[in-house]
């Protein structure tokens, strides 16, 4: 393999593919990047056996071929080269990287030992603007659980709504639940509702945020595939039954409060200085946010609010509460409650497309 290209373009390609290399490598081959040069295109792939990334670019190819080399080494070398032309050449045992400043060699691994990565075939089933995909993931991913003992809660349910041609992203860790509806172009009816690892959703959102391209989606060979321009991310699906989140949605018939988003977030951040659990009192024209940690101190702060219905005092984990507040995209937050011992609903004031449910905590 002999490839000539610009350093900056190759560096972008390699750094993108490195996102698919796991820090917990159980097989040496998984620490590598699979590099192929053929037909005027260079492809760099990585996988941790759960998620895979395949990135491509145009390049001048004098000789086709493929190899696997350490992702860490090639990433560090390319990143630190000066801008300008570079040449990549493989031999029997070593890959050579040549630039204006010198020559570097990396021992190769056997490409036939690298796991097979899905190749995008056919047309996309769905297409979502990259910025909207990123926002929806950012609004929901924090509610996912990091606990691998309950795998289904480490994923995001991607559920179709054929009636209004939309998808719903839903995440929960059993203490809070977040969902966002997002319009999708394409055959929504053909989408298979599935639980996708939130790690994968976060990675696609990050890549989408760095691109102006749409996020294309499809199912293939029992995996989900995302395509963003010349980049394809594939992932296993999580098997299991996602919680019936619809039965958890509070009606919010007793108390309804509308609060300035920035004022409420600022008050909750200050309350968190004194402890994670806080009492939120909802009164006629304001909210009172109070925390108390005997060995540290206490705080109490009032925030103006438009309140209809019954006054109420309820306890929240402040960290979980602020995650929901940060997801609201409007200037005002709507909070709806039924009972101090039941979940509260937080949503964007003018739309029901983003919703966040947080469980209450018992206060002393």
Protein backbone atom coordinates (compact mmCIF):
# COMPACT_ATOMS: atom_id res chain seq x y z
CA UNK A 1 0.00 0.00 0.00
CA UNK A 2 1.34 3.43 -0.96
CA UNK A 3 -0.80 6.48 -0.17
CA UNK A 4 -0.04 10.19 -0.53
CA UNK A 5 -2.25 12.85 1.05
CA UNK A 6 -2.35 15.99 3.18
CA UNK A 7 -1.42 15.53 6.82
CA UNK A 8 -4.40 17.48 8.17
CA UNK A 9 -6.94 15.41 6.23
CA UNK A 10 -5.32 12.14 7.29
CA UNK A 11 -5.18 13.30 10.88
CA UNK A 12 -8.92 14.10 10.89
CA UNK A 13 -9.63 10.65 9.47
CA UNK A 14 -7.46 8.83 12.01
CA UNK A 15 -8.65 10.83 15.02
CA UNK A 16 -12.28 10.16 14.07
CA UNK A 17 -11.69 6.42 13.75
CA UNK A 18 -9.86 6.35 17.08
CA UNK A 19 -13.17 7.14 18.80
CA UNK A 20 -14.11 3.50 18.21
CA UNK A 21 -11.06 2.04 19.98
CA UNK A 22 -11.82 0.85 23.51
CA UNK A 23 -9.61 1.77 26.46
CA UNK A 24 -10.28 -1.70 27.86
CA UNK A 25 -8.70 -3.88 25.20
CA UNK A 26 -9.17 -7.63 25.68
CA UNK A 27 -7.66 -8.56 22.30
CA UNK A 28 -4.51 -6.84 20.99
CA UNK A 29 -5.99 -6.52 17.48
CA UNK A 30 -8.76 -4.28 18.90
CA UNK A 31 -6.17 -1.66 19.82
CA UNK A 32 -5.46 -1.23 16.13
CA UNK A 33 -6.91 0.69 13.20
CA UNK A 34 -7.74 -1.26 10.04
CA UNK A 35 -6.54 0.79 7.07
CA UNK A 36 -7.49 0.05 3.47
CA UNK A 37 -6.44 1.89 0.31
CA UNK A 38 -8.25 1.12 -2.92
CA UNK A 39 -9.89 2.92 -5.84
CA UNK A 40 -8.73 6.39 -4.83
CA UNK A 41 -10.19 6.05 -1.32
CA UNK A 42 -8.58 5.44 2.05
CA UNK A 43 -10.74 3.82 4.71
CA UNK A 44 -9.83 3.71 8.40
CA UNK A 45 -11.91 1.48 10.69
CA UNK A 46 -12.04 0.67 14.40
CA UNK A 47 -14.19 -1.45 16.69
CA UNK A 48 -14.56 -2.53 20.30
CA UNK A 49 -16.92 -5.36 19.22
CA UNK A 50 -19.95 -3.31 20.31
CA UNK A 51 -19.54 -0.14 18.26
CA UNK A 52 -17.58 0.32 15.04
CA UNK A 53 -16.49 3.42 13.12
CA UNK A 54 -15.57 3.49 9.44
CA UNK A 55 -14.25 6.76 8.00
CA UNK A 56 -13.23 7.43 4.38
CA UNK A 57 -11.53 10.09 2.28
CA UNK A 58 -10.08 10.61 -1.18
CA UNK A 59 -6.32 10.17 -1.58
CA UNK A 60 -3.65 9.52 -4.20
CA UNK A 61 -3.07 5.77 -4.17
CA UNK A 62 -0.05 4.38 -6.00
CA UNK A 63 -0.54 0.87 -4.66
CA UNK A 64 -3.62 -0.72 -3.10
CA UNK A 65 -3.50 -2.72 0.09
CA UNK A 66 -4.62 -3.06 3.71
CA UNK A 67 -3.05 -3.35 7.14
CA UNK A 68 -3.66 -2.97 10.87
CA UNK A 69 -1.45 -0.81 13.09
CA UNK A 70 -1.60 0.50 16.65
CA UNK A 71 -4.23 3.23 16.81
CA UNK A 72 -2.43 5.06 19.60
CA UNK A 73 0.88 5.16 17.75
CA UNK A 74 -0.40 6.25 14.35
CA UNK A 75 -2.69 8.77 16.01
CA UNK A 76 0.14 10.35 17.99
CA UNK A 77 2.52 10.38 15.01
CA UNK A 78 0.11 11.92 12.49
CA UNK A 79 -1.19 14.49 15.00
CA UNK A 80 2.29 15.79 15.71
CA UNK A 81 3.54 16.00 12.14
CA UNK A 82 3.84 19.45 10.53
CA UNK A 83 1.23 20.40 7.95
CA UNK A 84 1.93 19.36 4.39
CA UNK A 85 2.15 16.20 2.32
CA UNK A 86 2.68 12.79 3.93
CA UNK A 87 3.21 9.35 2.42
CA UNK A 88 2.08 6.11 4.01
CA UNK A 89 3.66 2.90 2.80
CA UNK A 90 3.36 -0.68 4.06
CA UNK A 91 5.95 -3.43 3.78
CA UNK A 92 6.25 -6.95 5.10
CA UNK A 93 6.32 -6.01 8.80
CA UNK A 94 6.24 -2.23 9.16
CA UNK A 95 4.16 0.73 8.04
CA UNK A 96 6.30 3.73 7.09
CA UNK A 97 5.04 7.28 7.51
CA UNK A 98 7.14 9.83 5.63
CA UNK A 99 6.92 13.59 5.96
CA UNK A 100 9.14 16.59 5.30
CA UNK A 101 10.70 16.16 8.75
CA UNK A 102 11.46 12.44 8.84
CA UNK A 103 10.32 8.84 8.62
CA UNK A 104 8.49 6.79 11.23
CA UNK A 105 7.83 3.05 11.37
CA UNK A 106 5.04 1.16 13.12
CA UNK A 107 4.91 -2.63 13.38
CA UNK A 108 1.92 -4.04 11.51
CA UNK A 109 -0.65 -6.57 12.69
CA UNK A 110 -2.44 -9.15 10.56
CA UNK A 111 -5.47 -7.59 8.81
CA UNK A 112 -7.18 -10.98 8.56
CA UNK A 113 -7.38 -11.04 12.38
CA UNK A 114 -9.39 -7.81 12.51
CA UNK A 115 -13.14 -8.31 13.17
CA UNK A 116 -15.45 -7.81 10.22
CA UNK A 117 -17.18 -4.43 10.26
CA UNK A 118 -20.56 -3.84 8.56
CA UNK A 119 -20.44 -1.99 5.26
CA UNK A 120 -23.39 0.31 4.49
CA UNK A 121 -25.58 -1.26 1.82
CA UNK A 122 -28.49 0.31 -0.02
CA UNK A 123 -30.46 3.39 0.97
CA UNK A 124 -31.14 4.92 4.35
CA UNK A 125 -34.48 4.26 6.04
CA UNK A 126 -34.49 7.55 7.96
CA UNK A 127 -32.73 10.90 7.76
CA UNK A 128 -32.47 13.54 10.52
CA UNK A 129 -30.69 16.92 10.40
CA UNK A 130 -27.42 16.57 12.29
CA UNK A 131 -28.04 19.50 14.63
CA UNK A 132 -31.46 18.20 15.65
CA UNK A 133 -30.09 14.70 16.24
CA UNK A 134 -27.35 16.11 18.46
CA UNK A 135 -29.80 18.21 20.48
CA UNK A 136 -32.17 15.29 21.03
CA UNK A 137 -29.36 13.07 22.30
CA UNK A 138 -27.97 15.79 24.54
CA UNK A 139 -31.43 16.25 26.06
CA UNK A 140 -31.97 12.55 26.80
CA UNK A 141 -28.63 10.75 27.24
CA UNK A 142 -27.95 11.96 30.79
CA UNK A 143 -30.94 9.98 32.03
CA UNK A 144 -29.35 6.69 30.95
CA UNK A 145 -27.80 4.41 33.54
CA UNK A 146 -24.07 3.57 33.62
CA UNK A 147 -24.81 0.34 35.51
CA UNK A 148 -23.98 -2.62 33.25
CA UNK A 149 -25.89 -4.92 35.63
CA UNK A 150 -29.09 -3.63 34.01
CA UNK A 151 -28.08 -3.43 30.34
CA UNK A 152 -31.46 -2.26 29.05
CA UNK A 153 -31.13 0.95 31.10
CA UNK A 154 -27.73 1.75 29.54
CA UNK A 155 -29.47 2.23 26.19
CA UNK A 156 -31.77 4.71 24.50
CA UNK A 157 -35.09 3.50 23.16
CA UNK A 158 -35.59 4.82 19.62
CA UNK A 159 -39.31 4.46 19.00
CA UNK A 160 -41.29 5.37 15.90
CA UNK A 161 -44.48 7.39 15.74
CA UNK A 162 -45.95 6.77 12.29
CA UNK A 163 -48.81 9.21 12.81
CA UNK A 164 -46.66 12.34 12.76
CA UNK A 165 -43.55 10.89 11.06
CA UNK A 166 -41.36 11.25 14.13
CA UNK A 167 -39.00 9.30 16.36
CA UNK A 168 -38.90 9.40 20.13
CA UNK A 169 -35.59 9.05 22.00
CA UNK A 170 -36.20 7.72 25.53
CA UNK A 171 -33.68 7.15 28.32
CA UNK A 172 -34.05 6.24 32.00
CA UNK A 173 -32.01 5.03 34.96
CA UNK A 174 -35.17 4.39 37.04
CA UNK A 175 -34.63 7.62 39.05
CA UNK A 176 -35.38 9.97 36.16
CA UNK A 177 -36.67 9.58 32.63
CA UNK A 178 -36.21 11.80 29.60
CA UNK A 179 -37.69 11.71 26.12
CA UNK A 180 -37.60 13.89 23.07
CA UNK A 181 -39.66 13.68 19.88
CA UNK A 182 -37.86 14.52 16.67
CA UNK A 183 -39.14 14.71 13.10
CA UNK A 184 -37.61 12.25 10.65
CA UNK A 185 -37.57 12.08 6.88
CA UNK A 186 -38.08 8.75 5.18
CA UNK A 187 -40.06 5.57 5.80
CA UNK A 188 -40.78 5.93 9.52
CA UNK A 189 -43.15 2.94 9.32
CA UNK A 190 -40.22 0.73 8.31
CA UNK A 191 -38.14 1.62 11.33
CA UNK A 192 -37.78 -1.15 13.92
CA UNK A 193 -38.16 0.13 17.48
CA UNK A 194 -34.90 -0.71 19.21
CA UNK A 195 -32.69 -0.05 22.22
CA UNK A 196 -29.38 1.45 21.09
CA UNK A 197 -26.44 1.81 23.50
CA UNK A 198 -26.40 5.38 24.75
CA UNK A 199 -22.63 5.33 24.27
CA UNK A 200 -23.27 4.93 20.53
CA UNK A 201 -25.93 7.66 20.50
CA UNK A 202 -23.50 10.05 22.22
CA UNK A 203 -20.78 9.28 19.71
CA UNK A 204 -23.05 9.82 16.71
CA UNK A 205 -24.29 13.07 18.24
CA UNK A 206 -20.72 14.27 18.73
CA UNK A 207 -19.82 13.43 15.14
CA UNK A 208 -23.04 15.01 13.86
CA UNK A 209 -22.26 18.20 15.75
CA UNK A 210 -18.94 18.48 13.92
CA UNK A 211 -20.58 18.11 10.50
CA UNK A 212 -23.18 19.89 8.42
CA UNK A 213 -24.47 16.57 7.06
CA UNK A 214 -27.70 14.77 7.94
CA UNK A 215 -27.67 11.66 10.10
CA UNK A 216 -28.92 8.72 8.05
CA UNK A 217 -30.16 5.61 9.85
CA UNK A 218 -30.99 2.02 9.01
CA UNK A 219 -31.01 -1.52 10.39
CA UNK A 220 -28.76 -4.07 8.72
CA UNK A 221 -27.69 -7.58 9.79
CA UNK A 222 -29.26 -7.11 13.24
CA UNK A 223 -27.24 -3.94 13.84
CA UNK A 224 -28.06 -0.25 13.64
CA UNK A 225 -26.04 1.86 11.20
CA UNK A 226 -25.65 5.64 11.15
CA UNK A 227 -24.11 7.50 8.23
CA UNK A 228 -22.82 11.07 8.37
CA UNK A 229 -21.27 12.03 5.04
CA UNK A 230 -18.28 9.70 4.50
CA UNK A 231 -18.53 8.31 8.02
CA UNK A 232 -20.42 5.19 9.15
CA UNK A 233 -21.01 4.18 12.77
CA UNK A 234 -22.45 0.74 13.41
CA UNK A 235 -23.53 -0.75 16.71
CA UNK A 236 -25.04 -3.80 18.30
CA UNK A 237 -28.53 -3.48 19.75
CA UNK A 238 -29.43 -4.11 23.38
CA UNK A 239 -31.81 -7.01 23.88
CA UNK A 240 -34.52 -6.85 26.51
CA UNK A 241 -37.74 -5.08 27.42
CA UNK A 242 -37.54 -1.33 27.91
CA UNK A 243 -39.60 -0.08 30.90
CA UNK A 244 -43.16 0.96 30.13
CA UNK A 245 -42.37 4.63 30.54
CA UNK A 246 -45.81 5.84 29.45
CA UNK A 247 -47.41 4.65 32.68
CA UNK A 248 -44.93 6.78 34.66
CA UNK A 249 -45.96 10.08 33.08
CA UNK A 250 -47.60 12.26 35.75
CA UNK A 251 -50.81 14.04 34.83
CA UNK A 252 -49.73 17.19 36.64
CA UNK A 253 -53.29 18.09 37.51
CA UNK A 254 -52.75 19.47 41.01
CA UNK A 255 -49.91 21.95 40.58
CA UNK A 256 -48.50 23.75 37.56
CA UNK A 257 -45.57 26.16 37.81
CA UNK A 258 -43.83 28.25 35.16
CA UNK A 259 -40.37 29.56 36.07
CA UNK A 260 -37.63 31.49 34.27
CA UNK A 261 -35.13 28.86 33.16
CA UNK A 262 -31.92 30.75 33.87
CA UNK A 263 -33.05 31.98 37.29
CA UNK A 264 -34.10 28.48 38.39
CA UNK A 265 -30.91 26.80 37.14
CA UNK A 266 -28.77 29.41 38.91
CA UNK A 267 -30.67 28.91 42.18
CA UNK A 268 -30.38 25.12 42.03
CA UNK A 269 -26.64 25.37 41.31
CA UNK A 270 -26.18 27.54 44.40
CA UNK A 271 -28.26 25.13 46.50
CA UNK A 272 -26.09 22.22 45.34
CA UNK A 273 -23.14 23.82 47.14
CA UNK A 274 -24.74 22.69 50.41
CA UNK A 275 -25.97 19.24 49.38
CA UNK A 276 -27.52 17.10 46.68
CA UNK A 277 -30.95 16.65 48.24
CA UNK A 278 -33.09 19.77 48.34
CA UNK A 279 -36.60 20.80 49.30
CA UNK A 280 -38.54 22.67 46.64
CA UNK A 281 -41.53 24.55 47.96
CA UNK A 282 -44.06 25.64 45.34
CA UNK A 283 -46.17 28.51 46.56
CA UNK A 284 -48.58 31.09 45.15
CA UNK A 285 -46.06 33.23 43.28
CA UNK A 286 -42.63 31.69 43.86
CA UNK A 287 -40.51 28.60 44.44
CA UNK A 288 -38.36 28.26 47.55
CA UNK A 289 -35.29 26.05 47.15
CA UNK A 290 -33.68 24.94 50.40
CA UNK A 291 -30.84 22.60 51.33
CA UNK A 292 -29.50 21.60 54.71
CA UNK A 293 -26.40 19.60 55.60
CA UNK A 294 -25.86 19.82 59.40
CA UNK A 295 -22.07 19.49 59.26
CA UNK A 296 -21.77 22.03 56.41
CA UNK A 297 -24.55 24.58 56.54
CA UNK A 298 -27.82 25.40 54.79
CA UNK A 299 -29.33 27.60 52.12
CA UNK A 300 -32.71 29.01 51.17
CA UNK A 301 -33.57 30.99 48.06
CA UNK A 302 -36.77 32.16 46.38
CA UNK A 303 -37.40 32.28 42.63
CA UNK A 304 -40.46 34.07 41.14
CA UNK A 305 -42.97 31.72 39.47
CA UNK A 306 -46.44 31.63 37.92
CA UNK A 307 -48.24 28.95 39.91
CA UNK A 308 -51.72 27.53 39.43
CA UNK A 309 -53.25 24.86 41.64
CA UNK A 310 -52.23 23.62 45.07
CA UNK A 311 -49.14 24.68 46.98
CA UNK A 312 -46.73 21.82 47.54
CA UNK A 313 -43.36 20.90 49.05
CA UNK A 314 -41.35 18.14 47.43
CA UNK A 315 -37.80 16.79 47.69
CA UNK A 316 -35.45 16.25 44.75
CA UNK A 317 -31.95 15.07 44.07
CA UNK A 318 -30.54 18.38 42.87
CA UNK A 319 -28.16 16.81 40.36
CA UNK A 320 -30.99 14.93 38.68
CA UNK A 321 -33.18 18.03 38.80
CA UNK A 322 -30.64 20.26 37.09
CA UNK A 323 -30.01 17.71 34.32
CA UNK A 324 -33.67 18.03 33.40
CA UNK A 325 -33.71 21.81 33.63
CA UNK A 326 -30.65 22.10 31.37
CA UNK A 327 -32.47 20.14 28.65
CA UNK A 328 -35.24 22.74 28.36
CA UNK A 329 -34.76 24.90 25.27
CA UNK A 330 -37.30 27.65 26.04
CA UNK A 331 -36.91 30.72 28.26
CA UNK A 332 -39.42 29.33 30.73
CA UNK A 333 -39.67 25.91 32.35
CA UNK A 334 -42.98 24.24 33.07
CA UNK A 335 -43.12 21.99 36.13
CA UNK A 336 -46.20 19.84 36.74
CA UNK A 337 -46.88 17.82 39.87
CA UNK A 338 -49.55 15.59 41.39
CA UNK A 339 -48.18 14.65 44.82
CA UNK A 340 -44.98 15.09 46.90
CA UNK A 341 -44.45 11.33 46.72
CA UNK A 342 -44.99 11.03 42.97
CA UNK A 343 -42.73 11.96 40.02
CA UNK A 344 -42.65 15.52 38.72
CA UNK A 345 -42.78 16.44 35.04
CA UNK A 346 -40.45 19.09 33.61
CA UNK A 347 -40.95 20.26 30.06
CA UNK A 348 -40.46 23.07 27.58
CA UNK A 349 -43.26 25.59 28.06
CA UNK A 350 -44.50 25.90 24.48
CA UNK A 351 -44.01 22.29 23.36
CA UNK A 352 -44.48 18.77 24.67
CA UNK A 353 -41.70 17.36 22.47
CA UNK A 354 -39.18 17.40 25.33
CA UNK A 355 -40.18 15.90 28.68
CA UNK A 356 -38.20 14.99 31.77
CA UNK A 357 -39.58 13.05 34.72
CA UNK A 358 -37.73 13.05 38.04
CA UNK A 359 -38.56 10.94 41.06
CA UNK A 360 -38.92 12.70 44.44
CA UNK A 361 -36.69 11.96 47.42
CA UNK A 362 -37.81 11.71 51.04
CA UNK A 363 -36.51 14.55 53.16
CA UNK A 364 -35.73 14.41 56.85
